[in-house]
Protein backbone atom coordinates (compact mmCIF):
# COMPACT_ATOMS: atom_id res chain seq x y z
CA MET A 1 17.76 -12.44 -46.58
CA LYS A 2 16.90 -12.86 -50.26
CA PRO A 3 17.17 -9.76 -52.55
CA LEU A 4 14.19 -9.25 -54.89
CA LYS A 5 14.61 -5.88 -56.57
CA LEU A 6 17.06 -2.97 -56.49
CA THR A 7 16.31 0.40 -58.08
CA LEU A 8 19.00 3.11 -58.34
CA ARG A 9 18.37 6.75 -59.19
CA ALA A 10 21.29 9.18 -59.71
CA PHE A 11 23.39 6.83 -57.61
CA GLY A 12 27.14 6.36 -58.05
CA PRO A 13 28.03 6.01 -61.73
CA TYR A 14 24.36 5.80 -62.79
CA ALA A 15 22.96 9.16 -63.80
CA ASN A 16 19.50 7.80 -64.58
CA GLU A 17 17.30 5.12 -63.08
CA GLN A 18 18.70 1.58 -63.09
CA ILE A 19 16.74 -1.53 -62.03
CA VAL A 20 18.28 -4.81 -60.97
CA ASP A 21 15.53 -7.44 -60.79
CA PHE A 22 16.82 -10.35 -58.69
CA SER A 23 13.42 -12.06 -58.90
CA LEU A 24 14.41 -13.24 -62.41
CA LEU A 25 16.90 -15.55 -60.66
CA SER A 26 14.29 -17.13 -58.41
CA GLY A 27 15.09 -20.61 -59.72
CA SER A 28 18.76 -20.36 -58.73
CA ASN A 29 20.10 -20.70 -55.20
CA PHE A 30 23.40 -19.05 -56.12
CA PHE A 31 24.29 -16.32 -58.59
CA LEU A 32 27.45 -14.44 -59.46
CA ILE A 33 27.90 -10.74 -60.10
CA HIS A 34 30.97 -10.55 -62.35
CA GLY A 35 32.53 -8.32 -64.99
CA PRO A 36 35.78 -6.58 -65.83
CA THR A 37 37.38 -4.01 -63.59
CA GLY A 38 35.40 -0.76 -63.68
CA ALA A 39 32.13 -2.45 -64.64
CA ARG A 40 30.48 -0.92 -61.56
CA LYS A 41 29.93 -4.26 -59.77
CA THR A 42 30.78 -2.71 -56.40
CA SER A 43 28.17 0.01 -56.99
CA ILE A 44 25.46 -2.64 -56.63
CA PHE A 45 26.95 -3.70 -53.28
CA ASP A 46 27.20 -0.06 -52.28
CA ALA A 47 23.53 0.49 -53.11
CA ILE A 48 22.37 -2.56 -51.10
CA SER A 49 24.55 -1.64 -48.11
CA PHE A 50 23.44 1.99 -48.30
CA ALA A 51 19.78 1.00 -48.44
CA LEU A 52 20.12 -1.26 -45.40
CA TYR A 53 22.50 0.70 -43.16
CA GLY A 54 22.91 4.16 -44.68
CA SER A 55 26.56 3.62 -45.70
CA ALA A 56 28.41 2.12 -48.68
CA SER A 57 30.07 -1.30 -48.72
CA GLY A 58 33.59 0.20 -48.57
CA ASP A 59 35.26 2.66 -46.19
CA LEU A 60 36.21 5.07 -48.98
CA ARG A 61 32.64 5.83 -50.03
CA GLY A 62 30.51 7.87 -47.62
CA GLY A 63 26.77 8.48 -47.83
CA LYS A 64 27.17 12.05 -49.10
CA ASN A 65 29.55 10.93 -51.87
CA LEU A 66 27.13 8.42 -53.40
CA ARG A 67 25.32 10.97 -55.58
CA SER A 68 26.16 10.57 -59.25
CA ASP A 69 28.35 13.28 -60.73
CA TYR A 70 26.51 12.86 -64.01
CA ALA A 71 22.98 13.35 -62.59
CA SER A 72 21.05 16.50 -63.40
CA GLU A 73 20.60 19.03 -60.61
CA ASP A 74 16.87 18.39 -60.41
CA CYS A 75 17.20 14.58 -60.15
CA LYS A 76 17.02 13.17 -56.62
CA THR A 77 19.51 10.46 -55.56
CA GLU A 78 17.59 7.50 -54.12
CA VAL A 79 17.86 3.73 -53.58
CA ASP A 80 14.79 1.49 -53.50
CA PHE A 81 15.61 -2.02 -52.24
CA THR A 82 13.15 -4.92 -51.79
CA PHE A 83 14.11 -8.20 -50.10
CA LYS A 84 12.50 -11.17 -48.43
CA SER A 85 13.21 -12.51 -44.94
CA CYS A 86 11.22 -15.41 -43.46
CA ASP A 87 7.62 -15.00 -44.63
CA LYS A 88 7.63 -11.21 -45.10
CA ILE A 89 8.76 -8.89 -47.87
CA TYR A 90 10.55 -5.70 -46.79
CA ARG A 91 11.10 -2.52 -48.79
CA ILE A 92 13.55 0.27 -48.02
CA ILE A 93 13.60 3.66 -49.71
CA ARG A 94 16.62 5.70 -48.68
CA SER A 95 18.20 8.93 -49.95
CA PRO A 96 21.38 10.69 -48.74
CA GLU A 97 21.79 14.35 -47.88
CA GLN A 98 22.12 16.16 -51.24
CA GLU A 99 21.86 19.46 -53.02
CA ILE A 100 19.33 19.82 -55.85
CA THR A 101 17.62 22.69 -57.60
CA LYS A 102 14.59 24.35 -56.04
CA LYS A 103 11.19 23.43 -57.40
CA ARG A 104 10.26 27.09 -57.46
CA GLY A 105 12.59 29.94 -58.21
CA ASP A 106 16.29 29.89 -58.89
CA GLY A 107 19.12 28.32 -56.91
CA THR A 108 19.49 25.04 -55.07
CA ARG A 109 18.37 23.60 -51.78
CA ILE A 110 19.76 20.98 -49.37
CA LEU A 111 17.65 17.88 -48.89
CA PRO A 112 18.33 16.03 -45.61
CA SER A 113 18.83 12.29 -45.58
CA ALA A 114 15.64 10.23 -45.42
CA ALA A 115 14.69 6.56 -45.09
CA THR A 116 11.48 4.53 -44.90
CA LEU A 117 11.06 0.83 -44.02
CA SER A 118 7.82 -1.08 -44.71
CA SER A 119 6.78 -4.73 -44.67
CA THR A 120 4.21 -6.83 -46.55
CA ASP A 121 2.86 -10.09 -45.13
CA GLU A 122 1.57 -13.19 -46.95
CA ASN A 123 -1.91 -11.67 -47.25
CA GLY A 124 -0.61 -8.56 -48.99
CA ASN A 125 -1.07 -6.26 -45.99
CA THR A 126 1.56 -3.51 -46.03
CA GLN A 127 2.72 -1.73 -42.88
CA VAL A 128 5.21 1.11 -42.44
CA LEU A 129 7.62 -0.02 -39.71
CA THR A 130 9.48 3.28 -39.37
CA ALA A 131 10.05 6.52 -41.26
CA LYS A 132 12.97 7.68 -39.10
CA THR A 133 16.39 7.49 -40.72
CA GLU A 134 18.23 6.51 -37.54
CA GLU A 135 15.75 3.69 -36.74
CA VAL A 136 15.86 1.86 -40.09
CA ALA A 137 19.32 0.33 -39.50
CA CYS A 138 18.26 -0.86 -36.02
CA LYS A 139 15.17 -2.54 -37.52
CA ILE A 140 17.32 -4.19 -40.22
CA ILE A 141 19.65 -5.64 -37.56
CA ASP A 142 16.63 -7.16 -35.82
CA ILE A 143 15.30 -8.58 -39.10
CA ILE A 144 18.41 -10.11 -40.73
CA GLY A 145 20.61 -10.47 -37.63
CA PHE A 146 23.71 -8.73 -39.03
CA LYS A 147 25.28 -5.43 -38.15
CA ASN A 148 26.80 -3.26 -40.87
CA GLU A 149 30.36 -4.60 -40.52
CA GLN A 150 29.20 -8.21 -40.31
CA PHE A 151 27.00 -7.80 -43.39
CA ARG A 152 29.91 -6.35 -45.37
CA GLN A 153 32.25 -9.19 -44.32
CA ILE A 154 29.85 -12.10 -44.79
CA VAL A 155 27.04 -11.32 -47.23
CA LEU A 156 28.49 -8.90 -49.76
CA LEU A 157 32.24 -9.60 -49.66
CA PRO A 158 33.06 -6.85 -52.17
CA GLN A 159 36.33 -6.75 -54.06
CA GLY A 160 39.30 -6.36 -51.71
CA GLU A 161 37.18 -6.77 -48.54
CA PHE A 162 37.40 -10.59 -48.12
CA ARG A 163 40.88 -10.33 -46.68
CA ARG A 164 39.45 -8.31 -43.78
CA PHE A 165 37.55 -11.38 -42.62
CA LEU A 166 40.69 -13.51 -42.92
CA VAL A 167 42.85 -11.11 -40.91
CA ALA A 168 40.16 -10.20 -38.36
CA GLU A 169 40.75 -11.02 -34.71
CA SER A 170 39.51 -14.36 -33.43
CA LYS A 171 36.80 -12.81 -31.30
CA ASP A 172 35.47 -10.86 -34.30
CA ARG A 173 35.49 -13.93 -36.54
CA GLU A 174 33.88 -15.93 -33.76
CA ALA A 175 31.06 -13.38 -33.51
CA ILE A 176 30.60 -13.46 -37.32
CA LEU A 177 30.58 -17.24 -37.58
CA GLU A 178 28.29 -17.46 -34.58
CA THR A 179 25.82 -15.22 -36.37
CA ILE A 180 26.10 -17.19 -39.63
CA PHE A 181 25.67 -20.65 -38.19
CA LYS A 182 23.23 -19.66 -35.43
CA THR A 183 25.48 -21.05 -32.67
CA GLN A 184 24.38 -18.52 -30.08
CA LEU A 185 22.19 -21.18 -28.43
CA TYR A 186 25.18 -23.45 -27.89
CA SER A 187 27.22 -20.55 -26.63
CA ASN A 188 24.46 -19.76 -24.17
CA ILE A 189 24.42 -23.41 -23.05
CA GLU A 190 28.20 -23.38 -22.73
CA ASN A 191 28.09 -20.15 -20.71
CA PHE A 192 25.31 -21.53 -18.53
CA LEU A 193 27.24 -24.75 -17.82
CA LYS A 194 30.38 -22.75 -17.17
CA GLU A 195 28.59 -20.48 -14.71
CA TYR A 196 26.89 -23.50 -13.11
CA SER A 197 30.25 -25.24 -12.78
CA ASN A 198 31.73 -22.13 -11.19
CA ARG A 199 28.83 -21.93 -8.74
CA LEU A 200 29.33 -25.60 -7.84
CA LYS A 201 33.04 -25.00 -7.30
CA ASN A 202 32.29 -21.99 -5.13
CA ASP A 203 29.67 -23.94 -3.18
CA TYR A 204 32.09 -26.83 -2.74
CA GLY A 205 34.80 -24.46 -1.55
CA ASN A 206 32.41 -22.80 0.90
CA CYS A 207 31.22 -26.18 2.21
CA LYS A 208 34.80 -27.35 2.60
CA PHE A 209 35.72 -24.16 4.45
CA GLN A 210 32.66 -24.42 6.70
CA LYS A 211 33.50 -28.09 7.37
CA GLN A 212 37.02 -27.16 8.42
CA GLN A 213 35.71 -24.33 10.60
CA LEU A 214 33.22 -26.71 12.22
CA LEU A 215 35.88 -29.33 12.92
CA GLU A 216 38.14 -26.72 14.48
CA HIS A 217 35.28 -25.31 16.54
CA THR A 218 34.23 -28.75 17.86
CA GLY A 219 37.79 -29.99 18.37
CA CYS A 220 37.29 -33.02 16.12
CA GLU A 221 40.07 -34.34 13.92
CA ASN A 222 37.89 -35.60 11.10
CA ALA A 223 34.31 -36.07 9.95
CA GLU A 224 34.02 -39.51 11.58
CA ALA A 225 34.86 -38.08 14.99
CA LEU A 226 32.38 -35.28 14.40
CA THR A 227 29.71 -37.82 13.44
CA GLN A 228 30.36 -39.78 16.64
CA GLN A 229 30.14 -36.58 18.65
CA ILE A 230 26.89 -35.67 16.91
CA VAL A 231 25.45 -39.13 17.68
CA ALA A 232 26.49 -38.80 21.33
CA LEU A 233 24.94 -35.34 21.51
CA ALA A 234 21.79 -36.64 19.85
CA ASN A 235 21.51 -39.41 22.47
CA GLN A 236 22.13 -36.90 25.21
CA ILE A 237 19.49 -34.61 23.75
CA ALA A 238 17.03 -37.53 23.60
CA GLU A 239 17.71 -38.38 27.26
CA THR A 240 17.36 -34.74 28.23
CA GLU A 241 14.09 -34.47 26.32
CA GLN A 242 12.78 -37.58 28.12
CA MET A 243 13.83 -36.08 31.44
CA VAL A 244 12.13 -32.84 30.53
CA ARG A 245 8.94 -34.69 29.65
CA GLU A 246 8.99 -36.52 33.00
CA GLN A 247 9.66 -33.34 34.93
CA THR A 248 6.94 -31.60 32.97
CA LEU A 249 4.49 -34.34 33.94
CA LYS A 250 5.50 -34.00 37.59
CA LEU A 251 5.14 -30.25 37.36
CA ASP A 252 1.66 -30.61 35.90
CA THR A 253 0.73 -32.99 38.75
CA SER A 254 2.11 -30.53 41.30
CA HIS A 255 0.11 -27.72 39.72
CA LEU A 256 -3.05 -29.84 39.98
CA LYS A 257 -2.36 -30.62 43.64
CA LEU A 258 -1.62 -26.98 44.33
CA SER A 259 -4.89 -25.98 42.73
CA ASN A 260 -6.83 -28.51 44.83
CA ALA A 261 -4.97 -27.35 47.96
CA LYS A 262 -5.92 -23.74 47.23
CA ILE A 263 -9.57 -24.77 46.89
CA THR A 264 -9.40 -26.68 50.24
CA ALA A 265 -7.64 -23.78 51.95
CA ALA A 266 -10.31 -21.41 50.72
CA ALA A 267 -13.01 -23.72 52.12
CA PHE A 268 -11.25 -23.86 55.51
CA LYS A 269 -10.90 -20.10 55.54
CA GLU A 270 -14.59 -19.67 54.72
CA HIS A 271 -15.48 -22.12 57.54
CA ALA A 272 -13.31 -20.23 60.04
CA GLU A 273 -14.87 -16.91 59.04
CA ALA A 274 -18.37 -18.41 59.43
CA LYS A 275 -17.44 -19.75 62.87
CA THR A 276 -16.11 -16.35 63.91
CA ASP A 277 -19.31 -14.66 62.71
CA LEU A 278 -21.37 -17.22 64.68
CA GLN A 279 -19.45 -16.49 67.86
CA LYS A 280 -19.97 -12.77 67.34
CA LEU A 281 -23.70 -13.35 66.93
CA VAL A 282 -23.82 -15.47 70.10
CA GLY A 283 -21.98 -12.72 72.00
CA GLN A 284 -24.48 -10.18 70.70
CA ARG A 285 -27.50 -12.21 71.86
CA GLU A 286 -28.13 -9.99 74.99
CA GLU A 287 -27.61 -6.90 72.93
CA VAL A 288 -30.09 -8.24 70.38
CA LYS A 289 -32.61 -8.77 73.20
CA ARG A 290 -32.12 -5.16 74.32
CA TRP A 291 -32.61 -4.12 70.72
CA GLU A 292 -35.84 -6.11 70.63
CA GLN A 293 -37.04 -4.41 73.87
CA ASP A 294 -36.16 -1.01 72.47
CA ILE A 295 -38.06 -1.88 69.33
CA GLU A 296 -41.07 -2.94 71.43
CA SER A 297 -40.88 0.25 73.48
CA ALA A 298 -40.60 2.25 70.31
CA SER A 299 -43.70 0.49 68.99
CA GLN A 300 -45.65 1.36 72.15
CA ALA A 301 -44.27 4.89 72.09
CA ASN A 302 -45.54 5.15 68.58
CA LEU A 303 -49.09 4.45 69.89
CA ILE A 304 -48.71 7.10 72.64
CA ASN A 305 -47.35 9.47 70.05
CA GLU A 306 -50.71 9.53 68.33
CA VAL A 307 -52.45 10.46 71.63
CA TYR A 308 -49.72 13.01 72.26
CA LYS A 309 -50.32 14.57 68.92
CA VAL A 310 -54.05 14.87 69.64
CA ALA A 311 -53.35 16.39 73.08
CA GLU A 312 -50.81 18.72 71.57
CA GLU A 313 -53.39 19.92 69.08
CA ALA A 314 -55.93 20.37 71.93
CA PHE A 315 -53.44 22.40 73.95
CA ALA A 316 -52.73 24.46 70.87
CA GLN A 317 -56.46 25.13 70.47
CA LEU A 318 -56.70 25.89 74.19
CA ASP A 319 -53.86 28.39 73.91
CA LYS A 320 -55.62 29.90 70.98
CA ALA A 321 -58.91 30.10 72.94
CA LYS A 322 -57.08 31.71 75.88
CA THR A 323 -55.58 34.24 73.53
CA GLU A 324 -58.98 34.95 72.02
CA ALA A 325 -60.54 35.22 75.55
CA ALA A 326 -57.84 37.64 76.60
CA ASP A 327 -58.50 39.67 73.50
CA ALA A 328 -62.23 39.57 74.22
CA THR A 329 -61.61 40.70 77.84
CA LYS A 330 -59.58 43.62 76.61
CA ILE A 331 -62.37 44.50 74.20
CA LEU A 332 -64.99 44.19 77.01
CA GLN A 333 -62.94 46.42 79.26
CA LEU A 334 -62.78 48.97 76.53
CA GLU A 335 -66.50 48.72 76.00
CA LYS A 336 -67.10 49.15 79.77
CA GLU A 337 -64.90 52.20 79.73
CA ASN A 338 -66.78 53.49 76.75
CA LEU A 339 -70.11 52.72 78.47
CA ALA A 340 -69.05 54.51 81.63
CA GLU A 341 -68.04 57.48 79.63
CA LEU A 342 -71.29 57.31 77.74
CA SER A 343 -73.21 56.97 81.03
CA ASN A 344 -71.55 60.03 82.44
CA LYS A 345 -72.42 61.98 79.37
CA LEU A 346 -75.98 60.70 79.55
CA LYS A 347 -76.28 61.72 83.19
CA LYS A 348 -75.19 65.16 82.37
CA GLU A 349 -77.72 65.40 79.64
CA LEU A 350 -80.60 63.93 81.80
CA LYS A 351 -80.08 66.39 84.57
CA GLU A 352 -81.85 68.85 82.44
CA PHE A 353 -85.01 66.73 82.68
CA ASP A 354 -87.54 67.03 85.65
CA SER A 355 -87.76 63.46 86.95
CA PRO A 356 -84.34 62.17 88.07
CA GLU A 357 -85.88 58.97 89.41
CA SER A 358 -86.71 57.89 85.98
CA ILE A 359 -83.09 58.55 84.96
CA GLU A 360 -81.79 56.30 87.67
CA GLU A 361 -84.12 53.58 86.61
CA ILE A 362 -83.03 53.89 83.02
CA LEU A 363 -79.37 53.63 84.03
CA GLY A 364 -80.11 50.61 86.17
CA ILE A 365 -81.80 48.87 83.32
CA LEU A 366 -78.88 49.66 81.02
CA GLY A 367 -76.41 48.34 83.58
CA LYS A 368 -78.23 45.00 83.89
CA LYS A 369 -78.28 44.57 80.17
CA LEU A 370 -74.57 45.29 79.93
CA ARG A 371 -73.79 42.78 82.70
CA SER A 372 -75.89 40.16 81.06
């Protein structure tokens, strides 16, 4: 991080605006902030630390106590800090919680703390990274790589604070030096190798334990005896596999023979069934002849059946004619009875006439006609 410009307003001992332009020292790699006691050197450190992290460089100066006692009630306490990191320029504007006069009316009002962080790239494009007070310090840690305590111990080193680095615990100094000299990569490599070594030790221990378990399980005294046993078992397995292959070949041959035998047995069975059927047919020869005679008789009977049907129809017509003749006879009998009755009536009526001979002749003629 390289400071470029620091602007103070109603901050610490400065009632009005004060500007510290570090860009005027661009040709120098190192510079010294010095002066007699009470020259307000620490106030510059406080302003930079406050702008970055929201707190002063010392423990005795809190954010709310940074407002100048000499500032007017309408002047707002604010720090505007610009610095460069890598290829970007960053600007922070931060103000603490403070009480100032109202813009309208009488009395005062409490302004909450506020902070804004923006960046400008090489092309002059400015971007607001965050406008949330609690997020600015987190962004600064990501940008410059130092937390608040580390920044105060390494970068600023205000009066009376250097001894804190000297008396810090080894782990704290290690973390600070690691951040300064960028040794995190080597620490990561060291941790990786340490973890890898531990894994190898664990794997070796597990292998050793498994080896001992295997020796105890197999009853071997050492690895050489186990190797000999493994070789013997491998030879035995090879012989067994060869035996299995031979037996498998024999089994396949047996299956083939069995299949052929089943085909032959099926052929013999089919032959026996055909022979049995032939014998049955030979035994049924006489019966077949009788069947043929019955068929012949049935054929002849079929011819007679036609004649029978014709005769049956003739008999039916004859029965019908007989019935009609009987009906006609009954009708004739009725007519004769009617004629006799009519004749009797006629005789009675003709008696009144004078010539009875002629009546008899008339009746005789009528009788002949009726008989005919």
